[in-house]
Amino acid sequence: MTAGFDDYPDTDEDSFNSMNFLVTENIFFLADSAEYEYPDIAAKRLDGLARFYKNNSQKQFMYELSGSTYESSASDAGSVLASERVEKVKQELLSRGVPEDRLSIG
Protein backbone atom coordinates (compact mmCIF):
# COMPACT_ATOMS: atom_id res chain seq x y z
CA MET A 1 0.00 0.00 0.00
CA THR A 2 1.44 3.36 -0.88
CA ALA A 3 0.05 6.73 -0.13
CA GLY A 4 1.13 10.28 0.40
CA PHE A 5 3.85 11.38 2.77
CA ASP A 6 7.19 10.04 3.91
CA ASP A 7 10.40 11.65 5.13
CA TYR A 8 11.55 13.69 2.17
CA PRO A 9 14.18 16.42 1.89
CA ASP A 10 12.85 19.98 2.22
CA THR A 11 9.39 18.92 3.37
CA ASP A 12 7.60 17.61 6.42
CA GLU A 13 4.07 16.80 7.45
CA ASP A 14 3.39 20.42 8.38
CA SER A 15 4.12 21.91 4.97
CA PHE A 16 5.48 21.16 1.55
CA ASN A 17 7.05 23.21 -1.19
CA SER A 18 5.83 23.71 -4.74
CA MET A 19 8.03 21.02 -6.28
CA ASN A 20 6.36 18.18 -8.13
CA PHE A 21 7.38 14.94 -6.51
CA LEU A 22 6.14 11.50 -5.60
CA VAL A 23 6.39 10.43 -2.01
CA THR A 24 5.35 7.02 -0.76
CA GLU A 25 4.26 5.60 2.55
CA ASN A 26 4.10 1.83 2.89
CA ILE A 27 1.59 0.07 5.10
CA PHE A 28 2.19 -3.64 5.50
CA PHE A 29 -0.46 -6.35 5.79
CA LEU A 30 -0.37 -9.90 7.10
CA ALA A 31 0.04 -12.52 4.39
CA ASP A 32 -3.24 -13.40 2.67
CA SER A 33 -5.06 -10.87 4.84
CA ALA A 34 -6.44 -7.34 4.92
CA GLU A 35 -5.23 -6.95 8.52
CA TYR A 36 -2.21 -4.77 9.25
CA GLU A 37 1.01 -6.59 10.04
CA TYR A 38 2.07 -3.78 12.37
CA PRO A 39 -1.12 -2.02 13.55
CA ASP A 40 0.67 0.60 15.65
CA ILE A 41 2.96 1.59 12.79
CA ALA A 42 0.04 1.64 10.33
CA ALA A 43 -1.92 3.94 12.68
CA LYS A 44 1.07 6.25 13.05
CA ARG A 45 1.52 6.47 9.28
CA LEU A 46 -2.20 7.05 8.67
CA ASP A 47 -2.25 9.72 11.39
CA GLY A 48 0.71 11.40 9.66
CA LEU A 49 -1.07 11.37 6.30
CA ALA A 50 -4.18 12.90 7.87
CA ARG A 51 -2.10 15.53 9.68
CA PHE A 52 -0.36 16.39 6.41
CA TYR A 53 -3.75 16.93 4.76
CA LYS A 54 -5.02 19.10 7.61
CA ASN A 55 -1.87 21.25 7.52
CA ASN A 56 -1.98 21.63 3.73
CA SER A 57 -5.67 21.40 2.84
CA GLN A 58 -5.58 24.66 0.88
CA LYS A 59 -2.87 23.31 -1.45
CA GLN A 60 -3.47 21.14 -4.50
CA PHE A 61 -2.43 17.52 -4.02
CA MET A 62 -3.91 14.03 -4.08
CA TYR A 63 -3.20 10.80 -2.29
CA GLU A 64 -2.98 7.91 -4.73
CA LEU A 65 -3.73 4.61 -3.03
CA SER A 66 -2.60 1.33 -4.52
CA GLY A 67 -2.51 -2.16 -3.15
CA SER A 68 -0.50 -5.23 -3.95
CA THR A 69 -0.07 -8.85 -2.95
CA TYR A 70 2.59 -11.47 -3.50
CA GLU A 71 0.24 -13.40 -5.73
CA SER A 72 0.39 -13.39 -9.51
CA SER A 73 -1.04 -10.19 -10.98
CA ALA A 74 -3.34 -12.40 -13.03
CA SER A 75 -4.83 -13.96 -9.90
CA ASP A 76 -8.43 -12.96 -9.13
CA ALA A 77 -7.85 -13.70 -5.45
CA GLY A 78 -4.80 -11.40 -5.41
CA SER A 79 -6.76 -8.61 -7.09
CA VAL A 80 -9.62 -8.94 -4.60
CA LEU A 81 -7.24 -8.88 -1.65
CA ALA A 82 -5.36 -5.85 -3.03
CA SER A 83 -8.70 -4.04 -3.44
CA GLU A 84 -9.72 -4.91 0.12
CA ARG A 85 -6.43 -3.50 1.40
CA VAL A 86 -6.87 -0.28 -0.55
CA GLU A 87 -10.43 0.09 0.71
CA LYS A 88 -9.30 -0.40 4.31
CA VAL A 89 -6.69 2.35 4.00
CA LYS A 90 -9.18 4.60 2.23
CA GLN A 91 -11.72 4.18 5.04
CA GLU A 92 -9.03 4.84 7.66
CA LEU A 93 -8.05 8.10 5.93
CA LEU A 94 -11.68 9.17 5.57
CA SER A 95 -12.26 8.50 9.28
CA ARG A 96 -9.28 10.76 10.03
CA GLY A 97 -10.74 13.66 8.07
CA VAL A 98 -9.14 13.31 4.64
CA PRO A 99 -11.93 14.04 2.11
CA GLU A 100 -12.76 11.44 -0.51
CA ASP A 101 -12.05 13.88 -3.35
CA ARG A 102 -8.39 13.90 -2.25
CA LEU A 103 -8.10 10.11 -2.60
CA SER A 104 -7.42 8.38 -5.89
CA ILE A 105 -7.31 4.62 -6.35
CA GLY A 106 -4.42 3.72 -8.63
C-alpha atoms as a PDB file:
ATOM      1  CA  MET A   1       0.000   0.000   0.000  1.00  0.00           C
ATOM      2  CA  THR A   2       1.439   3.359  -0.882  1.00  0.00           C
ATOM      3  CA  ALA A   3       0.054   6.734  -0.130  1.00  0.00           C
ATOM      4  CA  GLY A   4       1.127  10.283   0.398  1.00  0.00           C
ATOM      5  CA  PHE A   5       3.850  11.376   2.769  1.00  0.00           C
ATOM      6  CA  ASP A   6       7.195  10.039   3.908  1.00  0.00           C
ATOM      7  CA  ASP A   7      10.402  11.652   5.130  1.00  0.00           C
ATOM      8  CA  TYR A   8      11.546  13.688   2.166  1.00  0.00           C
ATOM      9  CA  PRO A   9      14.179  16.423   1.895  1.00  0.00           C
ATOM     10  CA  ASP A  10      12.847  19.984   2.220  1.00  0.00           C
ATOM     11  CA  THR A  11       9.391  18.923   3.368  1.00  0.00           C
ATOM     12  CA  ASP A  12       7.600  17.615   6.424  1.00  0.00           C
ATOM     13  CA  GLU A  13       4.071  16.801   7.445  1.00  0.00           C
ATOM     14  CA  ASP A  14       3.392  20.424   8.379  1.00  0.00           C
ATOM     15  CA  SER A  15       4.123  21.911   4.970  1.00  0.00           C
ATOM     16  CA  PHE A  16       5.476  21.164   1.547  1.00  0.00           C
ATOM     17  CA  ASN A  17       7.050  23.206  -1.186  1.00  0.00           C
ATOM     18  CA  SER A  18       5.831  23.715  -4.737  1.00  0.00           C
ATOM     19  CA  MET A  19       8.030  21.018  -6.282  1.00  0.00           C
ATOM     20  CA  ASN A  20       6.357  18.176  -8.130  1.00  0.00           C
ATOM     21  CA  PHE A  21       7.378  14.939  -6.506  1.00  0.00           C
ATOM     22  CA  LEU A  22       6.143  11.499  -5.602  1.00  0.00           C
ATOM     23  CA  VAL A  23       6.391  10.434  -2.009  1.00  0.00           C
ATOM     24  CA  THR A  24       5.348   7.021  -0.763  1.00  0.00           C
ATOM     25  CA  GLU A  25       4.257   5.601   2.551  1.00  0.00           C
ATOM     26  CA  ASN A  26       4.098   1.828   2.894  1.00  0.00           C
ATOM     27  CA  ILE A  27       1.589   0.070   5.099  1.00  0.00           C
ATOM     28  CA  PHE A  28       2.185  -3.641   5.503  1.00  0.00           C
ATOM     29  CA  PHE A  29      -0.464  -6.345   5.790  1.00  0.00           C
ATOM     30  CA  LEU A  30      -0.374  -9.900   7.097  1.00  0.00           C
ATOM     31  CA  ALA A  31       0.041 -12.523   4.389  1.00  0.00           C
ATOM     32  CA  ASP A  32      -3.238 -13.401   2.670  1.00  0.00           C
ATOM     33  CA  SER A  33      -5.063 -10.871   4.840  1.00  0.00           C
ATOM     34  CA  ALA A  34      -6.438  -7.339   4.915  1.00  0.00           C
ATOM     35  CA  GLU A  35      -5.225  -6.950   8.525  1.00  0.00           C
ATOM     36  CA  TYR A  36      -2.209  -4.771   9.251  1.00  0.00           C
ATOM     37  CA  GLU A  37       1.007  -6.591  10.039  1.00  0.00           C
ATOM     38  CA  TYR A  38       2.070  -3.784  12.370  1.00  0.00           C
ATOM     39  CA  PRO A  39      -1.124  -2.023  13.547  1.00  0.00           C
ATOM     40  CA  ASP A  40       0.667   0.603  15.654  1.00  0.00           C
ATOM     41  CA  ILE A  41       2.958   1.589  12.791  1.00  0.00           C
ATOM     42  CA  ALA A  42       0.036   1.642  10.333  1.00  0.00           C
ATOM     43  CA  ALA A  43      -1.923   3.937  12.684  1.00  0.00           C
ATOM     44  CA  LYS A  44       1.071   6.252  13.054  1.00  0.00           C
ATOM     45  CA  ARG A  45       1.521   6.474   9.279  1.00  0.00           C
ATOM     46  CA  LEU A  46      -2.198   7.046   8.670  1.00  0.00           C
ATOM     47  CA  ASP A  47      -2.247   9.719  11.386  1.00  0.00           C
ATOM     48  CA  GLY A  48       0.706  11.401   9.665  1.00  0.00           C
ATOM     49  CA  LEU A  49      -1.074  11.365   6.305  1.00  0.00           C
ATOM     50  CA  ALA A  50      -4.176  12.904   7.874  1.00  0.00           C
ATOM     51  CA  ARG A  51      -2.102  15.534   9.678  1.00  0.00           C
ATOM     52  CA  PHE A  52      -0.364  16.388   6.407  1.00  0.00           C
ATOM     53  CA  TYR A  53      -3.748  16.926   4.755  1.00  0.00           C
ATOM     54  CA  LYS A  54      -5.016  19.098   7.610  1.00  0.00           C
ATOM     55  CA  ASN A  55      -1.872  21.249   7.524  1.00  0.00           C
ATOM     56  CA  ASN A  56      -1.982  21.630   3.733  1.00  0.00           C
ATOM     57  CA  SER A  57      -5.671  21.405   2.844  1.00  0.00           C
ATOM     58  CA  GLN A  58      -5.578  24.661   0.877  1.00  0.00           C
ATOM     59  CA  LYS A  59      -2.874  23.314  -1.448  1.00  0.00           C
ATOM     60  CA  GLN A  60      -3.473  21.137  -4.504  1.00  0.00           C
ATOM     61  CA  PHE A  61      -2.433  17.522  -4.020  1.00  0.00           C
ATOM     62  CA  MET A  62      -3.913  14.030  -4.075  1.00  0.00           C
ATOM     63  CA  TYR A  63      -3.196  10.799  -2.291  1.00  0.00           C
ATOM     64  CA  GLU A  64      -2.981   7.908  -4.727  1.00  0.00           C
ATOM     65  CA  LEU A  65      -3.734   4.609  -3.032  1.00  0.00           C
ATOM     66  CA  SER A  66      -2.596   1.331  -4.525  1.00  0.00           C
ATOM     67  CA  GLY A  67      -2.510  -2.163  -3.149  1.00  0.00           C
ATOM     68  CA  SER A  68      -0.500  -5.231  -3.950  1.00  0.00           C
ATOM     69  CA  THR A  69      -0.071  -8.848  -2.949  1.00  0.00           C
ATOM     70  CA  TYR A  70       2.590 -11.465  -3.497  1.00  0.00           C
ATOM     71  CA  GLU A  71       0.244 -13.403  -5.727  1.00  0.00           C
ATOM     72  CA  SER A  72       0.390 -13.385  -9.508  1.00  0.00           C
ATOM     73  CA  SER A  73      -1.035 -10.191 -10.984  1.00  0.00           C
ATOM     74  CA  ALA A  74      -3.342 -12.405 -13.035  1.00  0.00           C
ATOM     75  CA  SER A  75      -4.829 -13.962  -9.901  1.00  0.00           C
ATOM     76  CA  ASP A  76      -8.427 -12.963  -9.130  1.00  0.00           C
ATOM     77  CA  ALA A  77      -7.846 -13.700  -5.446  1.00  0.00           C
ATOM     78  CA  GLY A  78      -4.802 -11.403  -5.409  1.00  0.00           C
ATOM     79  CA  SER A  79      -6.758  -8.609  -7.091  1.00  0.00           C
ATOM     80  CA  VAL A  80      -9.617  -8.943  -4.604  1.00  0.00           C
ATOM     81  CA  LEU A  81      -7.238  -8.878  -1.648  1.00  0.00           C
ATOM     82  CA  ALA A  82      -5.365  -5.854  -3.026  1.00  0.00           C
ATOM     83  CA  SER A  83      -8.705  -4.041  -3.444  1.00  0.00           C
ATOM     84  CA  GLU A  84      -9.719  -4.913   0.123  1.00  0.00           C
ATOM     85  CA  ARG A  85      -6.426  -3.501   1.398  1.00  0.00           C
ATOM     86  CA  VAL A  86      -6.869  -0.275  -0.549  1.00  0.00           C
ATOM     87  CA  GLU A  87     -10.431   0.088   0.711  1.00  0.00           C
ATOM     88  CA  LYS A  88      -9.301  -0.397   4.310  1.00  0.00           C
ATOM     89  CA  VAL A  89      -6.688   2.345   4.002  1.00  0.00           C
ATOM     90  CA  LYS A  90      -9.178   4.601   2.231  1.00  0.00           C
ATOM     91  CA  GLN A  91     -11.723   4.180   5.040  1.00  0.00           C
ATOM     92  CA  GLU A  92      -9.034   4.841   7.657  1.00  0.00           C
ATOM     93  CA  LEU A  93      -8.047   8.100   5.931  1.00  0.00           C
ATOM     94  CA  LEU A  94     -11.685   9.166   5.572  1.00  0.00           C
ATOM     95  CA  SER A  95     -12.258   8.499   9.275  1.00  0.00           C
ATOM     96  CA  ARG A  96      -9.276  10.757  10.030  1.00  0.00           C
ATOM     97  CA  GLY A  97     -10.745  13.660   8.069  1.00  0.00           C
ATOM     98  CA  VAL A  98      -9.143  13.306   4.638  1.00  0.00           C
ATOM     99  CA  PRO A  99     -11.928  14.041   2.108  1.00  0.00           C
ATOM    100  CA  GLU A 100     -12.757  11.439  -0.507  1.00  0.00           C
ATOM    101  CA  ASP A 101     -12.051  13.878  -3.347  1.00  0.00           C
ATOM    102  CA  ARG A 102      -8.394  13.902  -2.254  1.00  0.00           C
ATOM    103  CA  LEU A 103      -8.095  10.111  -2.603  1.00  0.00           C
ATOM    104  CA  SER A 104      -7.422   8.381  -5.889  1.00  0.00           C
ATOM    105  CA  ILE A 105      -7.307   4.622  -6.347  1.00  0.00           C
ATOM    106  CA  GLY A 106      -4.416   3.720  -8.632  1.00  0.00           C
END
